[in-house]
Amino acid sequence: MGLLDSEIQSLNKSRKRAVYWREVGDEWVATAPLPADPMSIQHYLSKGFRANKPANGGTPKKDEVGETLSCPECEFIAKSSFGLQAHQKKHK
């Protein structure tokens, strides 16, 4: 038993879409409406997209110290202190 055309159209209208923000150079740019179901939200946020425009004038948030975060064992360069901690667990 297949779906009727009206049922298919209502399914398309019910899909949640959202505008995300992504870093392009030194500024944050809005995307076209992208899927906003829970799995898609998790995927886009893990890729560095943001759900809301950053409040700090559109510039990305830098590390407080401003230093390069690198692993002392293999010289891996991390984007954040959390990322460096996660990477260092691989060496244990």
N, C-alpha and C. Protein backbone atom coordinates (compact mmCIF):
# COMPACT_ATOMS: atom_id res chain seq x y z
N MET A 1 0.84 -1.18 0.00
CA MET A 1 0.00 0.00 0.00
C MET A 1 0.89 1.24 0.00
N GLY A 2 0.76 2.09 -1.00
CA GLY A 2 1.59 3.28 -1.13
C GLY A 2 0.93 4.50 -0.53
N LEU A 3 1.69 5.56 -0.45
CA LEU A 3 1.18 6.82 0.08
C LEU A 3 0.50 7.62 -1.02
N LEU A 4 -0.51 8.35 -0.66
CA LEU A 4 -1.18 9.26 -1.59
C LEU A 4 -0.34 10.50 -1.78
N ASP A 5 -0.54 11.20 -2.90
CA ASP A 5 0.21 12.43 -3.17
C ASP A 5 0.04 13.45 -2.06
N SER A 6 -1.17 13.58 -1.53
CA SER A 6 -1.41 14.55 -0.45
C SER A 6 -0.64 14.17 0.81
N GLU A 7 -0.51 12.87 1.07
CA GLU A 7 0.25 12.42 2.24
C GLU A 7 1.73 12.70 2.07
N ILE A 8 2.24 12.51 0.87
CA ILE A 8 3.65 12.79 0.60
C ILE A 8 3.93 14.28 0.76
N GLN A 9 3.06 15.13 0.24
CA GLN A 9 3.24 16.57 0.37
C GLN A 9 3.21 17.01 1.82
N SER A 10 2.33 16.41 2.64
CA SER A 10 2.27 16.78 4.05
C SER A 10 3.53 16.33 4.78
N LEU A 11 4.12 15.20 4.37
CA LEU A 11 5.38 14.76 4.98
C LEU A 11 6.49 15.74 4.68
N ASN A 12 6.56 16.23 3.45
CA ASN A 12 7.59 17.20 3.08
C ASN A 12 7.43 18.50 3.85
N LYS A 13 6.21 18.94 4.07
CA LYS A 13 5.97 20.18 4.80
C LYS A 13 6.31 20.03 6.28
N SER A 14 6.20 18.82 6.81
CA SER A 14 6.41 18.62 8.24
C SER A 14 7.88 18.46 8.60
N ARG A 15 8.76 18.37 7.62
CA ARG A 15 10.18 18.23 7.93
C ARG A 15 10.70 19.51 8.57
N LYS A 16 11.36 19.36 9.68
CA LYS A 16 11.91 20.53 10.38
C LYS A 16 13.17 20.99 9.67
N ARG A 17 13.28 22.30 9.49
CA ARG A 17 14.45 22.91 8.87
C ARG A 17 14.91 24.06 9.78
N ALA A 18 16.19 24.33 9.76
CA ALA A 18 16.73 25.41 10.58
C ALA A 18 17.89 26.07 9.85
N VAL A 19 18.14 27.30 10.22
CA VAL A 19 19.30 28.02 9.69
C VAL A 19 20.42 27.86 10.72
N TYR A 20 21.57 27.42 10.26
CA TYR A 20 22.75 27.28 11.11
C TYR A 20 23.75 28.36 10.74
N TRP A 21 24.71 28.56 11.60
CA TRP A 21 25.78 29.54 11.35
C TRP A 21 27.09 28.79 11.24
N ARG A 22 27.92 29.18 10.25
CA ARG A 22 29.22 28.54 10.09
C ARG A 22 30.29 29.59 9.88
N GLU A 23 31.49 29.24 10.27
CA GLU A 23 32.61 30.17 10.17
C GLU A 23 33.17 30.15 8.75
N VAL A 24 33.27 31.33 8.16
CA VAL A 24 33.88 31.49 6.84
C VAL A 24 34.90 32.61 6.98
N GLY A 25 36.15 32.25 6.98
CA GLY A 25 37.20 33.25 7.21
C GLY A 25 37.12 33.75 8.64
N ASP A 26 36.94 35.06 8.79
CA ASP A 26 36.86 35.66 10.12
C ASP A 26 35.45 36.03 10.53
N GLU A 27 34.44 35.59 9.77
CA GLU A 27 33.07 35.94 10.13
C GLU A 27 32.16 34.72 10.09
N TRP A 28 30.99 34.86 10.67
CA TRP A 28 30.00 33.79 10.72
C TRP A 28 28.91 34.09 9.70
N VAL A 29 28.58 33.09 8.89
CA VAL A 29 27.63 33.25 7.80
C VAL A 29 26.46 32.28 8.01
N ALA A 30 25.24 32.76 7.74
CA ALA A 30 24.05 31.91 7.86
C ALA A 30 24.00 30.94 6.68
N THR A 31 23.56 29.72 6.94
CA THR A 31 23.40 28.72 5.89
C THR A 31 21.99 28.80 5.33
N ALA A 32 21.75 28.10 4.26
CA ALA A 32 20.39 27.90 3.77
C ALA A 32 19.70 26.98 4.78
N PRO A 33 18.38 26.95 4.82
CA PRO A 33 17.71 26.05 5.76
C PRO A 33 18.14 24.59 5.56
N LEU A 34 18.62 23.97 6.62
CA LEU A 34 19.09 22.59 6.60
C LEU A 34 18.23 21.75 7.53
N PRO A 35 18.27 20.42 7.39
CA PRO A 35 17.46 19.56 8.26
C PRO A 35 17.72 19.83 9.74
N ALA A 36 16.65 19.74 10.56
CA ALA A 36 16.77 20.05 11.98
C ALA A 36 16.21 18.94 12.86
N ASP A 37 16.25 17.70 12.38
CA ASP A 37 15.87 16.60 13.25
C ASP A 37 17.04 16.36 14.22
N PRO A 38 16.82 15.66 15.32
CA PRO A 38 17.88 15.52 16.34
C PRO A 38 19.21 14.98 15.79
N MET A 39 19.18 14.01 14.89
CA MET A 39 20.44 13.48 14.35
C MET A 39 21.16 14.52 13.50
N SER A 40 20.40 15.26 12.71
CA SER A 40 21.02 16.29 11.86
C SER A 40 21.60 17.41 12.69
N ILE A 41 20.89 17.83 13.72
CA ILE A 41 21.40 18.88 14.60
C ILE A 41 22.72 18.46 15.21
N GLN A 42 22.78 17.24 15.72
CA GLN A 42 24.02 16.73 16.33
C GLN A 42 25.15 16.71 15.29
N HIS A 43 24.82 16.29 14.07
CA HIS A 43 25.83 16.22 13.01
C HIS A 43 26.38 17.60 12.67
N TYR A 44 25.50 18.57 12.44
CA TYR A 44 25.96 19.91 12.07
C TYR A 44 26.73 20.58 13.20
N LEU A 45 26.28 20.42 14.43
CA LEU A 45 27.00 21.03 15.55
C LEU A 45 28.37 20.40 15.74
N SER A 46 28.50 19.09 15.47
CA SER A 46 29.80 18.44 15.60
C SER A 46 30.77 18.88 14.50
N LYS A 47 30.24 19.39 13.40
CA LYS A 47 31.07 19.88 12.30
C LYS A 47 31.48 21.34 12.49
N GLY A 48 31.06 21.97 13.58
CA GLY A 48 31.46 23.35 13.85
C GLY A 48 30.38 24.37 13.55
N PHE A 49 29.24 23.93 13.06
CA PHE A 49 28.13 24.86 12.84
C PHE A 49 27.58 25.30 14.19
N ARG A 50 26.90 26.42 14.22
CA ARG A 50 26.26 26.90 15.45
C ARG A 50 24.77 27.09 15.20
N ALA A 51 23.98 26.88 16.23
CA ALA A 51 22.53 27.05 16.11
C ALA A 51 22.15 28.53 16.10
N ASN A 52 22.94 29.36 16.77
CA ASN A 52 22.67 30.80 16.85
C ASN A 52 23.93 31.56 16.45
N LYS A 53 23.74 32.78 15.96
CA LYS A 53 24.89 33.61 15.61
C LYS A 53 25.66 33.95 16.88
N PRO A 54 26.98 33.82 16.87
CA PRO A 54 27.77 34.16 18.05
C PRO A 54 27.55 35.61 18.47
N ALA A 55 27.47 35.83 19.76
CA ALA A 55 27.18 37.16 20.30
C ALA A 55 28.40 38.07 20.33
N ASN A 56 29.59 37.55 20.05
CA ASN A 56 30.81 38.35 20.18
C ASN A 56 31.16 39.09 18.89
N GLY A 57 30.16 39.67 18.23
CA GLY A 57 30.41 40.49 17.07
C GLY A 57 30.72 39.73 15.79
N GLY A 58 30.44 38.45 15.77
CA GLY A 58 30.64 37.68 14.56
C GLY A 58 32.03 37.09 14.39
N THR A 59 32.91 37.29 15.36
CA THR A 59 34.24 36.71 15.26
C THR A 59 34.28 35.42 16.06
N PRO A 60 34.96 34.41 15.58
CA PRO A 60 35.02 33.15 16.31
C PRO A 60 35.74 33.29 17.64
N LYS A 61 35.32 32.51 18.61
CA LYS A 61 35.91 32.55 19.94
C LYS A 61 37.28 31.88 19.91
N LYS A 62 38.30 32.57 20.32
CA LYS A 62 39.66 32.03 20.34
C LYS A 62 39.98 31.46 21.71
N ASP A 63 41.01 30.64 21.79
CA ASP A 63 41.46 30.09 23.05
C ASP A 63 41.88 31.24 23.96
N GLU A 64 41.59 31.13 25.25
CA GLU A 64 41.86 32.22 26.19
C GLU A 64 43.33 32.64 26.19
N VAL A 65 44.22 31.68 26.12
CA VAL A 65 45.65 31.97 26.19
C VAL A 65 46.17 32.43 24.84
N GLY A 66 45.59 31.93 23.76
CA GLY A 66 46.03 32.29 22.43
C GLY A 66 47.24 31.50 21.97
N GLU A 67 47.58 30.45 22.66
CA GLU A 67 48.75 29.67 22.30
C GLU A 67 48.35 28.47 21.43
N THR A 68 49.33 27.89 20.76
CA THR A 68 49.10 26.71 19.95
C THR A 68 48.99 25.51 20.87
N LEU A 69 47.95 24.73 20.66
CA LEU A 69 47.73 23.55 21.49
C LEU A 69 48.24 22.33 20.74
N SER A 70 49.39 21.80 21.15
CA SER A 70 49.96 20.65 20.45
C SER A 70 50.30 19.55 21.44
N CYS A 71 50.20 18.33 20.96
CA CYS A 71 50.50 17.15 21.77
C CYS A 71 52.02 17.04 21.92
N PRO A 72 52.54 16.90 23.15
CA PRO A 72 53.99 16.80 23.34
C PRO A 72 54.57 15.49 22.81
N GLU A 73 53.73 14.46 22.64
CA GLU A 73 54.24 13.16 22.20
C GLU A 73 54.30 13.01 20.69
N CYS A 74 53.32 13.55 19.98
CA CYS A 74 53.28 13.34 18.53
C CYS A 74 53.11 14.64 17.73
N GLU A 75 53.10 15.79 18.41
CA GLU A 75 52.98 17.11 17.79
C GLU A 75 51.66 17.32 17.05
N PHE A 76 50.60 16.60 17.45
CA PHE A 76 49.26 16.82 16.91
C PHE A 76 48.80 18.21 17.33
N ILE A 77 48.22 18.99 16.41
CA ILE A 77 47.72 20.33 16.70
C ILE A 77 46.22 20.24 16.94
N ALA A 78 45.78 20.68 18.12
CA ALA A 78 44.36 20.63 18.49
C ALA A 78 43.75 22.02 18.35
N LYS A 79 42.44 22.05 18.12
CA LYS A 79 41.72 23.33 17.98
C LYS A 79 41.32 23.90 19.33
N SER A 80 41.18 23.03 20.36
CA SER A 80 40.77 23.49 21.68
C SER A 80 41.46 22.65 22.74
N SER A 81 41.43 23.13 23.97
CA SER A 81 42.05 22.37 25.07
C SER A 81 41.30 21.07 25.30
N PHE A 82 39.99 21.06 25.09
CA PHE A 82 39.21 19.83 25.22
C PHE A 82 39.65 18.81 24.16
N GLY A 83 39.86 19.28 22.94
CA GLY A 83 40.31 18.40 21.86
C GLY A 83 41.68 17.81 22.15
N LEU A 84 42.56 18.61 22.73
CA LEU A 84 43.90 18.12 23.09
C LEU A 84 43.81 17.07 24.17
N GLN A 85 42.96 17.29 25.18
CA GLN A 85 42.79 16.29 26.24
C GLN A 85 42.24 14.99 25.68
N ALA A 86 41.28 15.08 24.77
CA ALA A 86 40.70 13.88 24.16
C ALA A 86 41.76 13.14 23.35
N HIS A 87 42.59 13.88 22.62
CA HIS A 87 43.64 13.27 21.81
C HIS A 87 44.67 12.57 22.70
N GLN A 88 45.05 13.19 23.80
CA GLN A 88 46.09 12.62 24.67
C GLN A 88 45.66 11.32 25.32
N LYS A 89 44.37 11.07 25.41
CA LYS A 89 43.90 9.80 25.95
C LYS A 89 44.28 8.63 25.05
N LYS A 90 44.53 8.91 23.78
CA LYS A 90 44.93 7.85 22.84
C LYS A 90 46.32 7.32 23.16
N HIS A 91 47.15 8.14 23.80
CA HIS A 91 48.52 7.74 24.12
C HIS A 91 48.64 6.92 25.40
N LYS A 92 47.56 6.87 26.17
CA LYS A 92 47.62 6.15 27.45
C LYS A 92 47.38 4.69 27.27
